[in-house]
N, C-alpha and C. Protein backbone atom coordinates (compact mmCIF):
# COMPACT_ATOMS: atom_id res chain seq x y z
N MET A 1 1.47 -8.44 1.64
CA MET A 1 0.47 -7.79 2.53
C MET A 1 -0.87 -8.35 2.39
N THR A 2 -1.53 -8.56 3.54
CA THR A 2 -2.87 -9.12 3.59
C THR A 2 -3.65 -8.15 4.67
N GLY A 3 -4.39 -7.25 3.95
CA GLY A 3 -5.27 -6.39 4.74
C GLY A 3 -4.64 -5.24 5.43
N GLY A 4 -3.46 -4.89 5.04
CA GLY A 4 -2.80 -3.69 5.85
C GLY A 4 -2.85 -2.50 5.00
N VAL A 5 -2.23 -1.41 5.49
CA VAL A 5 -2.25 -0.19 4.91
C VAL A 5 -0.78 0.36 5.03
N ALA A 6 -0.28 0.86 3.87
CA ALA A 6 1.17 1.47 3.87
C ALA A 6 1.09 2.62 3.06
N VAL A 7 2.01 3.59 3.41
CA VAL A 7 2.30 4.83 2.69
C VAL A 7 3.75 4.80 2.19
N VAL A 8 4.07 4.95 0.99
CA VAL A 8 5.33 4.96 0.46
C VAL A 8 5.65 6.27 -0.11
N LEU A 9 6.64 6.99 0.44
CA LEU A 9 6.97 8.32 0.12
C LEU A 9 8.27 8.37 -0.76
N GLY A 10 8.84 7.13 -0.95
CA GLY A 10 10.08 7.05 -1.82
C GLY A 10 9.74 6.24 -2.92
N SER A 11 10.78 5.80 -3.61
CA SER A 11 10.66 4.92 -4.81
C SER A 11 10.55 3.46 -4.39
N VAL A 12 9.99 2.64 -5.34
CA VAL A 12 9.70 1.29 -5.02
C VAL A 12 10.44 0.52 -6.09
N GLY A 13 10.64 -0.79 -5.71
CA GLY A 13 11.37 -1.70 -6.77
C GLY A 13 10.30 -2.14 -7.79
N PRO A 14 10.87 -2.96 -8.71
CA PRO A 14 10.11 -3.30 -9.89
C PRO A 14 8.97 -4.47 -9.71
N ASN A 15 8.68 -4.56 -8.54
CA ASN A 15 7.60 -5.81 -8.33
C ASN A 15 6.67 -5.41 -7.24
N LEU A 16 6.33 -4.19 -7.02
CA LEU A 16 5.40 -3.87 -5.96
C LEU A 16 4.04 -4.59 -6.08
N GLY A 17 3.71 -5.20 -5.09
CA GLY A 17 2.34 -5.90 -5.13
C GLY A 17 2.46 -7.23 -5.33
N SER A 18 3.59 -7.84 -5.71
CA SER A 18 3.71 -9.34 -5.86
C SER A 18 3.42 -10.11 -4.67
N GLY A 19 2.33 -10.84 -4.75
CA GLY A 19 1.77 -11.73 -3.68
C GLY A 19 0.86 -10.78 -2.68
N MET A 20 0.59 -9.62 -3.08
CA MET A 20 -0.23 -8.95 -2.08
C MET A 20 -1.67 -9.42 -2.30
N THR A 21 -2.26 -9.81 -1.26
CA THR A 21 -3.62 -10.43 -1.22
C THR A 21 -4.74 -9.61 -0.58
N GLY A 22 -4.58 -8.30 -0.42
CA GLY A 22 -5.42 -7.37 0.34
C GLY A 22 -4.80 -6.20 0.73
N GLY A 23 -5.44 -5.24 1.36
CA GLY A 23 -5.02 -4.11 1.78
C GLY A 23 -4.82 -3.07 0.72
N ARG A 24 -4.08 -1.92 1.08
CA ARG A 24 -3.86 -0.82 0.07
C ARG A 24 -2.53 -0.21 0.44
N VAL A 25 -1.95 0.37 -0.58
CA VAL A 25 -0.62 1.21 -0.52
C VAL A 25 -0.86 2.50 -1.16
N TYR A 26 -0.60 3.44 -0.37
CA TYR A 26 -0.70 4.91 -0.87
C TYR A 26 0.68 5.23 -1.42
N LEU A 27 0.73 5.36 -2.73
CA LEU A 27 1.95 5.57 -3.42
C LEU A 27 2.27 6.87 -4.09
N LEU A 28 3.43 7.50 -3.62
CA LEU A 28 3.62 8.89 -4.12
C LEU A 28 4.16 8.76 -5.56
N ASP A 29 3.66 9.66 -6.43
CA ASP A 29 4.21 9.76 -7.81
C ASP A 29 4.36 8.36 -8.46
N VAL A 30 3.54 7.72 -8.69
CA VAL A 30 3.31 6.28 -9.19
C VAL A 30 4.11 6.23 -10.49
N ASP A 31 4.99 5.26 -10.61
CA ASP A 31 5.51 4.77 -11.70
C ASP A 31 5.01 3.44 -12.09
N ALA A 32 3.97 3.29 -12.97
CA ALA A 32 3.22 2.04 -13.07
C ALA A 32 4.19 0.97 -13.61
N ARG A 33 5.26 1.25 -14.10
CA ARG A 33 6.11 0.14 -14.45
C ARG A 33 6.69 -0.75 -13.39
N ASN A 34 6.67 -0.19 -12.21
CA ASN A 34 7.03 -1.00 -10.97
C ASN A 34 5.97 -1.73 -10.26
N LEU A 35 4.82 -1.76 -10.73
CA LEU A 35 3.85 -2.58 -10.26
C LEU A 35 3.75 -3.89 -10.80
N ASN A 36 3.41 -4.85 -10.00
CA ASN A 36 3.21 -6.30 -10.55
C ASN A 36 1.69 -6.42 -10.86
N HIS A 37 1.44 -6.20 -12.22
CA HIS A 37 0.03 -6.05 -12.63
C HIS A 37 -0.60 -7.48 -12.68
N ASP A 38 0.00 -8.42 -12.25
CA ASP A 38 -0.62 -9.80 -12.04
C ASP A 38 -1.52 -9.74 -10.74
N TYR A 39 -1.05 -8.92 -9.94
CA TYR A 39 -1.79 -8.80 -8.56
C TYR A 39 -2.38 -7.61 -8.19
N VAL A 40 -1.72 -6.38 -8.74
CA VAL A 40 -2.28 -5.21 -8.21
C VAL A 40 -2.50 -4.03 -9.49
N ASP A 41 -3.17 -3.11 -9.22
CA ASP A 41 -3.27 -1.91 -10.04
C ASP A 41 -3.28 -0.65 -9.30
N HIS A 42 -3.22 0.52 -9.85
CA HIS A 42 -3.27 1.74 -9.10
C HIS A 42 -4.58 2.42 -9.54
N PHE A 43 -5.16 3.15 -8.57
CA PHE A 43 -6.39 3.92 -8.80
C PHE A 43 -6.31 5.25 -8.22
N PRO A 44 -7.28 6.22 -8.72
CA PRO A 44 -7.25 7.51 -8.12
C PRO A 44 -7.82 7.31 -6.63
N LEU A 45 -7.52 8.34 -5.76
CA LEU A 45 -7.90 8.29 -4.45
C LEU A 45 -9.38 8.76 -4.40
N ASP A 46 -10.15 8.10 -3.50
CA ASP A 46 -11.55 8.66 -3.28
C ASP A 46 -11.42 9.47 -1.97
N ASP A 47 -12.60 10.05 -1.59
CA ASP A 47 -12.75 10.86 -0.38
C ASP A 47 -12.19 10.13 0.84
N GLU A 48 -12.61 8.95 0.99
CA GLU A 48 -12.11 8.17 2.18
C GLU A 48 -10.74 7.96 2.11
N ASP A 49 -10.07 7.67 0.94
CA ASP A 49 -8.67 7.47 0.88
C ASP A 49 -7.87 8.80 1.14
N VAL A 50 -8.54 10.01 0.82
CA VAL A 50 -7.83 11.28 1.24
C VAL A 50 -7.85 11.52 2.66
N LYS A 51 -8.81 11.14 3.29
CA LYS A 51 -9.00 11.26 4.84
C LYS A 51 -7.89 10.41 5.37
N VAL A 52 -7.91 9.18 5.07
CA VAL A 52 -6.99 8.23 5.70
C VAL A 52 -5.58 8.56 5.40
N LEU A 53 -5.30 8.96 4.22
CA LEU A 53 -3.88 9.31 3.75
C LEU A 53 -3.43 10.46 4.55
N ARG A 54 -4.21 11.65 4.63
CA ARG A 54 -3.77 12.77 5.33
C ARG A 54 -3.42 12.57 6.89
N GLY A 55 -4.42 11.71 7.37
CA GLY A 55 -4.20 11.27 8.74
C GLY A 55 -2.97 10.62 9.09
N LEU A 56 -2.52 9.66 8.12
CA LEU A 56 -1.33 8.80 8.19
C LEU A 56 -0.15 9.83 7.95
N LEU A 57 -0.24 10.75 6.95
CA LEU A 57 0.76 11.66 6.82
C LEU A 57 1.06 12.53 7.94
N GLU A 58 -0.02 12.91 8.57
CA GLU A 58 0.13 13.77 9.91
C GLU A 58 0.76 13.02 11.00
N ARG A 59 0.34 11.81 11.21
CA ARG A 59 0.75 10.99 12.33
C ARG A 59 2.40 10.72 12.02
N HIS A 60 2.74 10.38 10.66
CA HIS A 60 4.11 10.22 10.36
C HIS A 60 4.89 11.42 10.68
N ALA A 61 4.48 12.71 10.35
CA ALA A 61 5.07 13.96 10.57
C ALA A 61 5.33 14.11 12.18
N GLN A 62 4.25 13.87 12.97
CA GLN A 62 4.35 14.11 14.41
C GLN A 62 5.34 13.04 15.00
N GLU A 63 5.43 11.87 14.60
CA GLU A 63 6.28 10.88 15.17
C GLU A 63 7.73 11.04 14.69
N THR A 64 7.93 11.54 13.50
CA THR A 64 9.29 11.49 12.83
C THR A 64 9.82 12.81 12.48
N GLY A 65 8.99 13.94 12.66
CA GLY A 65 9.51 15.31 12.34
C GLY A 65 9.59 15.49 10.81
N SER A 66 8.93 14.57 10.03
CA SER A 66 9.09 14.63 8.52
C SER A 66 8.61 15.78 7.92
N GLU A 67 9.42 16.74 7.32
CA GLU A 67 8.90 17.83 6.70
C GLU A 67 8.22 17.40 5.41
N LEU A 68 8.80 16.41 4.75
CA LEU A 68 8.15 15.97 3.56
C LEU A 68 6.67 15.54 3.70
N ALA A 69 6.49 14.85 4.80
CA ALA A 69 5.09 14.45 5.15
C ALA A 69 4.20 15.60 5.39
N LEU A 70 4.66 16.67 6.24
CA LEU A 70 3.83 17.84 6.33
C LEU A 70 3.58 18.56 5.02
N ARG A 71 4.61 18.67 4.13
CA ARG A 71 4.38 19.41 2.93
C ARG A 71 3.24 18.57 2.01
N LEU A 72 3.34 17.29 2.07
CA LEU A 72 2.48 16.49 1.26
C LEU A 72 1.01 16.40 1.78
N ARG A 73 1.00 16.58 3.17
CA ARG A 73 -0.39 16.60 3.79
C ARG A 73 -1.19 17.81 3.30
N ALA A 74 -0.34 19.00 3.19
CA ALA A 74 -0.89 20.33 2.75
C ALA A 74 -1.27 20.42 1.30
N ASP A 75 -0.38 19.51 0.44
CA ASP A 75 -0.66 19.48 -0.91
C ASP A 75 -2.01 18.79 -1.39
N ASP A 76 -2.35 18.95 -2.66
CA ASP A 76 -3.45 18.23 -3.11
C ASP A 76 -3.12 16.64 -3.46
N VAL A 77 -3.31 15.85 -2.34
CA VAL A 77 -2.80 14.55 -2.33
C VAL A 77 -3.31 13.68 -3.43
N LYS A 78 -4.64 14.20 -4.01
CA LYS A 78 -5.10 13.50 -5.13
C LYS A 78 -4.37 13.59 -6.42
N SER A 79 -3.49 14.69 -6.54
CA SER A 79 -2.73 14.88 -7.58
C SER A 79 -1.32 14.23 -7.51
N ARG A 80 -0.98 13.75 -6.23
CA ARG A 80 0.36 13.22 -6.17
C ARG A 80 0.41 11.89 -5.74
N PHE A 81 -0.75 11.26 -5.20
CA PHE A 81 -0.77 9.86 -4.75
C PHE A 81 -1.79 9.05 -5.59
N ARG A 82 -1.55 7.88 -5.72
CA ARG A 82 -2.54 6.81 -6.22
C ARG A 82 -2.62 5.68 -5.09
N VAL A 83 -3.76 4.98 -5.09
CA VAL A 83 -3.86 3.95 -4.16
C VAL A 83 -3.67 2.64 -4.97
N VAL A 84 -2.86 1.78 -4.41
CA VAL A 84 -2.58 0.53 -5.09
C VAL A 84 -3.41 -0.61 -4.33
N ARG A 85 -4.31 -1.30 -5.12
CA ARG A 85 -5.07 -2.25 -4.55
C ARG A 85 -4.87 -3.59 -5.37
N THR A 86 -5.19 -4.72 -4.65
CA THR A 86 -5.25 -6.01 -5.22
C THR A 86 -6.30 -6.13 -6.33
N ILE A 87 -6.05 -6.93 -7.37
CA ILE A 87 -6.98 -7.13 -8.46
C ILE A 87 -7.23 -8.71 -8.51
N VAL A 88 -6.45 -9.40 -7.68
CA VAL A 88 -6.58 -10.88 -7.60
C VAL A 88 -7.85 -11.18 -6.73
N VAL A 89 -8.70 -12.03 -7.20
CA VAL A 89 -9.80 -12.44 -6.49
C VAL A 89 -9.36 -13.46 -5.44
N PRO A 90 -9.57 -13.45 -4.22
CA PRO A 90 -9.16 -14.38 -3.19
C PRO A 90 -9.38 -15.79 -3.62
N GLU A 91 -10.49 -16.11 -4.08
CA GLU A 91 -10.76 -17.50 -4.42
C GLU A 91 -9.84 -18.08 -5.39
N THR A 92 -9.03 -17.30 -6.14
CA THR A 92 -8.05 -17.80 -7.16
C THR A 92 -6.76 -18.01 -6.64
N LEU A 93 -6.51 -17.52 -5.14
CA LEU A 93 -5.23 -17.89 -4.51
C LEU A 93 -5.27 -19.33 -4.07
N PRO A 94 -4.06 -19.82 -4.07
CA PRO A 94 -3.90 -21.23 -3.53
C PRO A 94 -4.32 -21.17 -1.95
N GLU A 95 -4.77 -22.35 -1.45
CA GLU A 95 -5.16 -22.57 -0.07
C GLU A 95 -3.89 -22.42 0.79
N TRP A 96 -3.91 -21.77 1.88
CA TRP A 96 -2.62 -21.63 2.71
C TRP A 96 -2.79 -22.61 3.91
N ASN A 97 -1.75 -23.42 3.90
CA ASN A 97 -1.78 -24.58 4.81
C ASN A 97 -0.69 -24.20 5.95
N LEU A 98 -1.16 -23.91 7.10
CA LEU A 98 -0.33 -23.52 8.32
C LEU A 98 0.64 -24.71 8.70
N GLU A 99 0.22 -25.94 8.59
CA GLU A 99 1.08 -26.84 8.97
C GLU A 99 2.29 -27.20 8.10
N SER A 100 2.02 -26.94 6.76
CA SER A 100 3.15 -27.11 5.76
C SER A 100 4.04 -25.96 5.57
N THR A 101 3.81 -24.86 6.21
CA THR A 101 4.54 -23.63 6.03
C THR A 101 5.71 -23.53 7.05
N PRO A 102 7.02 -23.52 6.62
CA PRO A 102 8.11 -23.57 7.58
C PRO A 102 8.03 -22.40 8.60
N GLY A 103 8.29 -22.47 9.80
CA GLY A 103 8.32 -21.51 10.81
C GLY A 103 6.90 -21.01 11.29
N ALA A 104 5.89 -21.50 10.63
CA ALA A 104 4.42 -20.84 10.91
C ALA A 104 3.98 -21.50 12.27
N ALA A 105 4.56 -22.42 12.84
CA ALA A 105 4.01 -23.06 14.13
C ALA A 105 4.09 -22.03 15.11
N ASN A 106 5.12 -20.99 15.10
CA ASN A 106 5.14 -19.94 16.01
C ASN A 106 4.00 -18.90 15.88
N LEU A 107 3.28 -18.90 14.80
CA LEU A 107 2.26 -18.10 14.46
C LEU A 107 0.93 -18.38 14.99
N ALA A 108 0.70 -19.65 15.29
CA ALA A 108 -0.67 -20.28 15.71
C ALA A 108 -0.93 -19.85 17.10
């Protein structure tokens, strides 16, 4: 992910964040063993994170009828969620070359 936002309400595999170069993931009940610590780490939510997360949970509940999202929105999200962010400085990432990337011609 580059610059996106995601909310994960379920479990994640053992390599969350591998290759992540930006953005943030709001992760419910974090198991830090599943994070790729070469790329990301998890942090407490700040006030802006709480606002964004509650809005995303409400939208998800409205669009899907998710009772879980409604319950979580009403909970103390700071105690249940962590925000996952990149720790890799973009300058340390290899240069992305559009011409040499298979299938990338359709993206330009």
